[in-house]
Amino acid sequence: MDDIHGEKVYETCDPNDVNKVGFGSGGCSNTCQPITKPTPSTCNNITVKPNTGYAPLNTNINCSGTNASNYTIKVTQNGNTVKTFNSQSASYSFGNSGNYQVQCFVNNTITSNACKEDVVVKPTPPAPSCDSLSVSPNSGTPGVTTSFNCSGTSASTYKVVLKKDGNTVNTFNSKS
């Protein structure tokens, strides 16, 4: 109802009006009732944390959507589905190295590129190992001064333990 020049003007529904304006987002029905169009569902975003690391990579996945009645999370590799979750959130362990994509479907549709996230799983690095330990001289009389050199694979720290008769005499936190 509007007030034009002091007179009350009532809008009426004409179901034959192709515009059907003013009676809801969908116009009006043949019985002059407002029709409200449903707001479309949308996927707002997906988060995968962490989204890069070494295998096995344990992740938490969460989808966010608007007007969603159901969620589907798909983990794919090279276009092939690896795992599907029929929920808004999930935990997944990527056991093998490779490039993956995690997708969030809201009401069976992806509505945004924000609902796709790439995951990079690197091969597990080899376990650190001691490859060699050289001691020079390796024998002598009491008071002898020796030097040592330790080399290893995938090692960032070193610890050399000097023992006599099974008992620790000294510890060196270095490779030489």
C-alpha atoms as a PDB file:
ATOM      1  CA  MET A   1       0.000   0.000   0.000  1.00  0.00           C
ATOM      2  CA  ASP A   2       1.361   3.393  -1.005  1.00  0.00           C
ATOM      3  CA  ASP A   3       0.274   6.910  -0.204  1.00  0.00           C
ATOM      4  CA  ILE A   4       0.026   9.075  -3.322  1.00  0.00           C
ATOM      5  CA  HIS A   5      -1.153  12.646  -2.778  1.00  0.00           C
ATOM      6  CA  GLY A   6      -2.943  11.654   0.405  1.00  0.00           C
ATOM      7  CA  GLU A   7      -4.815   8.780  -1.220  1.00  0.00           C
ATOM      8  CA  LYS A   8      -4.193   5.151  -0.349  1.00  0.00           C
ATOM      9  CA  VAL A   9      -3.277   3.101  -3.403  1.00  0.00           C
ATOM     10  CA  TYR A  10      -3.430  -0.671  -3.108  1.00  0.00           C
ATOM     11  CA  GLU A  11      -1.361  -2.863  -5.382  1.00  0.00           C
ATOM     12  CA  THR A  12      -3.120  -5.973  -6.586  1.00  0.00           C
ATOM     13  CA  CYS A  13      -1.766  -9.200  -7.922  1.00  0.00           C
ATOM     14  CA  ASP A  14      -2.396  -9.976 -11.539  1.00  0.00           C
ATOM     15  CA  PRO A  15      -1.305 -13.556 -12.216  1.00  0.00           C
ATOM     16  CA  ASN A  16      -1.292 -12.734 -15.942  1.00  0.00           C
ATOM     17  CA  ASP A  17       1.268  -9.960 -15.398  1.00  0.00           C
ATOM     18  CA  VAL A  18       4.514 -11.383 -16.804  1.00  0.00           C
ATOM     19  CA  ASN A  19       6.557  -9.217 -14.426  1.00  0.00           C
ATOM     20  CA  LYS A  20       4.497 -10.113 -11.324  1.00  0.00           C
ATOM     21  CA  VAL A  21       6.287  -7.354  -9.437  1.00  0.00           C
ATOM     22  CA  GLY A  22       5.968  -6.627  -5.748  1.00  0.00           C
ATOM     23  CA  PHE A  23       4.735  -9.954  -4.456  1.00  0.00           C
ATOM     24  CA  GLY A  24       7.955 -11.742  -3.576  1.00  0.00           C
ATOM     25  CA  SER A  25      11.062 -12.720  -5.467  1.00  0.00           C
ATOM     26  CA  GLY A  26       9.014 -15.028  -7.682  1.00  0.00           C
ATOM     27  CA  GLY A  27       6.009 -12.755  -8.310  1.00  0.00           C
ATOM     28  CA  CYS A  28       2.552 -14.099  -7.505  1.00  0.00           C
ATOM     29  CA  SER A  29       0.686 -17.328  -8.113  1.00  0.00           C
ATOM     30  CA  ASN A  30      -2.657 -17.754  -9.963  1.00  0.00           C
ATOM     31  CA  THR A  31      -4.308 -17.413  -6.546  1.00  0.00           C
ATOM     32  CA  CYS A  32      -2.476 -14.112  -5.992  1.00  0.00           C
ATOM     33  CA  GLN A  33      -0.194 -15.516  -3.323  1.00  0.00           C
ATOM     34  CA  PRO A  34       3.441 -14.362  -3.152  1.00  0.00           C
ATOM     35  CA  ILE A  35       5.974 -16.734  -4.635  1.00  0.00           C
ATOM     36  CA  THR A  36       9.417 -16.678  -3.087  1.00  0.00           C
ATOM     37  CA  LYS A  37      12.187 -18.114  -5.187  1.00  0.00           C
ATOM     38  CA  PRO A  38      14.621 -20.138  -3.107  1.00  0.00           C
ATOM     39  CA  THR A  39      18.022 -18.546  -2.694  1.00  0.00           C
ATOM     40  CA  PRO A  40      20.477 -20.735  -4.625  1.00  0.00           C
ATOM     41  CA  SER A  41      22.927 -22.781  -2.627  1.00  0.00           C
ATOM     42  CA  THR A  42      26.554 -21.824  -3.004  1.00  0.00           C
ATOM     43  CA  CYS A  43      29.870 -23.192  -1.909  1.00  0.00           C
ATOM     44  CA  ASN A  44      31.826 -20.382  -0.274  1.00  0.00           C
ATOM     45  CA  ASN A  45      35.198 -22.071   0.248  1.00  0.00           C
ATOM     46  CA  ILE A  46      37.141 -25.139   1.267  1.00  0.00           C
ATOM     47  CA  THR A  47      40.120 -25.326   3.587  1.00  0.00           C
ATOM     48  CA  VAL A  48      42.623 -28.158   3.731  1.00  0.00           C
ATOM     49  CA  LYS A  49      45.169 -27.905   6.543  1.00  0.00           C
ATOM     50  CA  PRO A  50      47.938 -28.595   5.964  1.00  0.00           C
ATOM     51  CA  ASN A  51      47.851 -28.648   2.166  1.00  0.00           C
ATOM     52  CA  THR A  52      51.498 -29.568   1.644  1.00  0.00           C
ATOM     53  CA  GLY A  53      53.966 -31.834   3.407  1.00  0.00           C
ATOM     54  CA  TYR A  54      55.548 -35.277   3.501  1.00  0.00           C
ATOM     55  CA  ALA A  55      53.688 -38.558   3.173  1.00  0.00           C
ATOM     56  CA  PRO A  56      51.824 -39.611   5.165  1.00  0.00           C
ATOM     57  CA  LEU A  57      50.162 -36.169   5.298  1.00  0.00           C
ATOM     58  CA  ASN A  58      47.299 -35.978   7.824  1.00  0.00           C
ATOM     59  CA  THR A  59      44.847 -33.208   6.930  1.00  0.00           C
ATOM     60  CA  ASN A  60      41.651 -31.629   8.191  1.00  0.00           C
ATOM     61  CA  ILE A  61      39.176 -30.543   5.512  1.00  0.00           C
ATOM     62  CA  ASN A  62      36.293 -28.118   5.980  1.00  0.00           C
ATOM     63  CA  CYS A  63      33.655 -26.834   3.509  1.00  0.00           C
ATOM     64  CA  SER A  64      31.656 -23.668   3.916  1.00  0.00           C
ATOM     65  CA  GLY A  65      28.435 -23.011   2.019  1.00  0.00           C
ATOM     66  CA  THR A  66      25.259 -20.961   1.980  1.00  0.00           C
ATOM     67  CA  ASN A  67      21.778 -22.540   1.842  1.00  0.00           C
ATOM     68  CA  ALA A  68      23.340 -25.986   1.728  1.00  0.00           C
ATOM     69  CA  SER A  69      21.375 -29.054   2.670  1.00  0.00           C
ATOM     70  CA  ASN A  70      24.201 -31.466   1.909  1.00  0.00           C
ATOM     71  CA  TYR A  71      27.953 -31.419   1.367  1.00  0.00           C
ATOM     72  CA  THR A  72      30.247 -33.787  -0.466  1.00  0.00           C
ATOM     73  CA  ILE A  73      34.035 -33.665  -0.210  1.00  0.00           C
ATOM     74  CA  LYS A  74      35.991 -35.403  -2.977  1.00  0.00           C
ATOM     75  CA  VAL A  75      39.701 -36.142  -2.999  1.00  0.00           C
ATOM     76  CA  THR A  76      40.975 -36.679  -6.541  1.00  0.00           C
ATOM     77  CA  GLN A  77      44.285 -37.421  -8.200  1.00  0.00           C
ATOM     78  CA  ASN A  78      44.682 -37.001 -11.961  1.00  0.00           C
ATOM     79  CA  GLY A  79      40.902 -36.649 -12.248  1.00  0.00           C
ATOM     80  CA  ASN A  80      40.228 -39.963 -10.497  1.00  0.00           C
ATOM     81  CA  THR A  81      38.291 -40.013  -7.230  1.00  0.00           C
ATOM     82  CA  VAL A  82      40.458 -41.321  -4.383  1.00  0.00           C
ATOM     83  CA  LYS A  83      38.021 -40.756  -1.505  1.00  0.00           C
ATOM     84  CA  THR A  84      34.524 -39.285  -1.011  1.00  0.00           C
ATOM     85  CA  PHE A  85      33.060 -37.943   2.218  1.00  0.00           C
ATOM     86  CA  ASN A  86      29.353 -37.092   2.501  1.00  0.00           C
ATOM     87  CA  SER A  87      29.872 -34.418   5.136  1.00  0.00           C
ATOM     88  CA  GLN A  88      30.887 -30.798   5.621  1.00  0.00           C
ATOM     89  CA  SER A  89      34.208 -31.700   7.251  1.00  0.00           C
ATOM     90  CA  ALA A  90      36.580 -34.646   7.205  1.00  0.00           C
ATOM     91  CA  SER A  91      40.046 -35.830   8.165  1.00  0.00           C
ATOM     92  CA  TYR A  92      42.121 -37.585   5.543  1.00  0.00           C
ATOM     93  CA  SER A  93      45.605 -39.079   5.482  1.00  0.00           C
ATOM     94  CA  PHE A  94      47.408 -38.876   2.122  1.00  0.00           C
ATOM     95  CA  GLY A  95      49.566 -41.996   2.226  1.00  0.00           C
ATOM     96  CA  ASN A  96      51.309 -41.591  -1.120  1.00  0.00           C
ATOM     97  CA  SER A  97      53.242 -38.717  -2.624  1.00  0.00           C
ATOM     98  CA  GLY A  98      51.713 -36.830  -5.526  1.00  0.00           C
ATOM     99  CA  ASN A  99      49.498 -33.917  -6.525  1.00  0.00           C
ATOM    100  CA  TYR A 100      45.876 -34.066  -5.414  1.00  0.00           C
ATOM    101  CA  GLN A 101      42.808 -31.845  -5.569  1.00  0.00           C
ATOM    102  CA  VAL A 102      40.188 -31.625  -2.831  1.00  0.00           C
ATOM    103  CA  GLN A 103      36.755 -30.366  -3.900  1.00  0.00           C
ATOM    104  CA  CYS A 104      33.658 -29.283  -1.978  1.00  0.00           C
ATOM    105  CA  PHE A 105      30.259 -29.882  -3.568  1.00  0.00           C
ATOM    106  CA  VAL A 106      27.238 -28.104  -2.079  1.00  0.00           C
ATOM    107  CA  ASN A 107      23.947 -29.773  -3.037  1.00  0.00           C
ATOM    108  CA  ASN A 108      25.941 -31.771  -5.629  1.00  0.00           C
ATOM    109  CA  THR A 109      27.438 -28.682  -7.326  1.00  0.00           C
ATOM    110  CA  ILE A 110      30.696 -26.751  -7.177  1.00  0.00           C
ATOM    111  CA  THR A 111      29.779 -23.089  -7.504  1.00  0.00           C
ATOM    112  CA  SER A 112      33.190 -21.481  -7.060  1.00  0.00           C
ATOM    113  CA  ASN A 113      36.870 -22.099  -7.704  1.00  0.00           C
ATOM    114  CA  ALA A 114      37.287 -21.268  -3.997  1.00  0.00           C
ATOM    115  CA  CYS A 115      35.796 -24.738  -3.425  1.00  0.00           C
ATOM    116  CA  LYS A 116      38.798 -26.503  -4.932  1.00  0.00           C
ATOM    117  CA  GLU A 117      42.175 -26.755  -3.241  1.00  0.00           C
ATOM    118  CA  ASP A 118      45.374 -28.370  -4.452  1.00  0.00           C
ATOM    119  CA  VAL A 119      47.342 -30.604  -2.113  1.00  0.00           C
ATOM    120  CA  VAL A 120      51.011 -31.480  -2.696  1.00  0.00           C
ATOM    121  CA  VAL A 121      52.321 -34.554  -0.898  1.00  0.00           C
ATOM    122  CA  LYS A 122      56.094 -34.972  -1.031  1.00  0.00           C
ATOM    123  CA  PRO A 123      57.825 -38.347  -0.781  1.00  0.00           C
ATOM    124  CA  THR A 124      58.857 -39.266   2.743  1.00  0.00           C
ATOM    125  CA  PRO A 125      62.539 -38.368   3.107  1.00  0.00           C
ATOM    126  CA  PRO A 126      64.862 -41.248   3.949  1.00  0.00           C
ATOM    127  CA  ALA A 127      65.526 -41.802   7.634  1.00  0.00           C
ATOM    128  CA  PRO A 128      68.800 -40.327   8.847  1.00  0.00           C
ATOM    129  CA  SER A 129      71.617 -42.833   8.867  1.00  0.00           C
ATOM    130  CA  CYS A 130      75.271 -42.986   9.821  1.00  0.00           C
ATOM    131  CA  ASP A 131      77.244 -43.914   6.730  1.00  0.00           C
ATOM    132  CA  SER A 132      80.743 -43.932   8.205  1.00  0.00           C
ATOM    133  CA  LEU A 133      82.818 -43.004  11.246  1.00  0.00           C
ATOM    134  CA  SER A 134      86.561 -42.653  10.915  1.00  0.00           C
ATOM    135  CA  VAL A 135      88.880 -42.227  13.912  1.00  0.00           C
ATOM    136  CA  SER A 136      92.584 -41.433  13.543  1.00  0.00           C
ATOM    137  CA  PRO A 137      94.581 -42.790  15.183  1.00  0.00           C
ATOM    138  CA  ASN A 138      92.288 -45.494  16.438  1.00  0.00           C
ATOM    139  CA  SER A 139      94.696 -46.773  19.102  1.00  0.00           C
ATOM    140  CA  GLY A 140      97.557 -45.471  21.236  1.00  0.00           C
ATOM    141  CA  THR A 141      98.860 -44.932  24.733  1.00  0.00           C
ATOM    142  CA  PRO A 142      96.977 -42.960  27.416  1.00  0.00           C
ATOM    143  CA  GLY A 143      96.837 -39.263  26.529  1.00  0.00           C
ATOM    144  CA  VAL A 144      96.731 -39.885  22.782  1.00  0.00           C
ATOM    145  CA  THR A 145      94.862 -37.219  20.827  1.00  0.00           C
ATOM    146  CA  THR A 146      92.523 -38.512  18.147  1.00  0.00           C
ATOM    147  CA  SER A 147      90.273 -36.929  15.597  1.00  0.00           C
ATOM    148  CA  PHE A 148      87.061 -38.308  14.208  1.00  0.00           C
ATOM    149  CA  ASN A 149      84.796 -37.669  11.268  1.00  0.00           C
ATOM    150  CA  CYS A 150      81.222 -38.881  10.955  1.00  0.00           C
ATOM    151  CA  SER A 151      79.208 -38.782   7.737  1.00  0.00           C
ATOM    152  CA  GLY A 152      75.509 -39.501   7.300  1.00  0.00           C
ATOM    153  CA  THR A 153      72.541 -39.402   4.968  1.00  0.00           C
ATOM    154  CA  SER A 154      69.619 -37.029   5.645  1.00  0.00           C
ATOM    155  CA  ALA A 155      71.324 -35.963   8.856  1.00  0.00           C
ATOM    156  CA  SER A 156      71.155 -32.385  10.078  1.00  0.00           C
ATOM    157  CA  THR A 157      72.646 -33.037  13.525  1.00  0.00           C
ATOM    158  CA  TYR A 158      75.308 -35.443  14.705  1.00  0.00           C
ATOM    159  CA  LYS A 159      76.173 -37.017  18.045  1.00  0.00           C
ATOM    160  CA  VAL A 160      79.351 -39.020  18.581  1.00  0.00           C
ATOM    161  CA  VAL A 161      79.627 -40.902  21.887  1.00  0.00           C
ATOM    162  CA  LEU A 162      83.062 -41.960  23.152  1.00  0.00           C
ATOM    163  CA  LYS A 163      82.886 -45.061  25.351  1.00  0.00           C
ATOM    164  CA  LYS A 164      85.356 -47.137  27.348  1.00  0.00           C
ATOM    165  CA  ASP A 165      84.337 -50.602  28.494  1.00  0.00           C
ATOM    166  CA  GLY A 166      80.688 -49.780  27.650  1.00  0.00           C
ATOM    167  CA  ASN A 167      80.631 -46.607  29.753  1.00  0.00           C
ATOM    168  CA  THR A 168      80.255 -43.156  28.194  1.00  0.00           C
ATOM    169  CA  VAL A 169      83.423 -41.117  28.577  1.00  0.00           C
ATOM    170  CA  ASN A 170      82.518 -38.122  26.422  1.00  0.00           C
ATOM    171  CA  THR A 171      79.804 -36.945  24.007  1.00  0.00           C
ATOM    172  CA  PHE A 172      80.374 -34.695  20.990  1.00  0.00           C
ATOM    173  CA  ASN A 173      77.418 -33.006  19.278  1.00  0.00           C
ATOM    174  CA  SER A 174      79.267 -32.523  16.032  1.00  0.00           C
ATOM    175  CA  LYS A 175      80.334 -34.576  13.070  1.00  0.00           C
ATOM    176  CA  SER A 176      84.084 -34.034  13.557  1.00  0.00           C
END
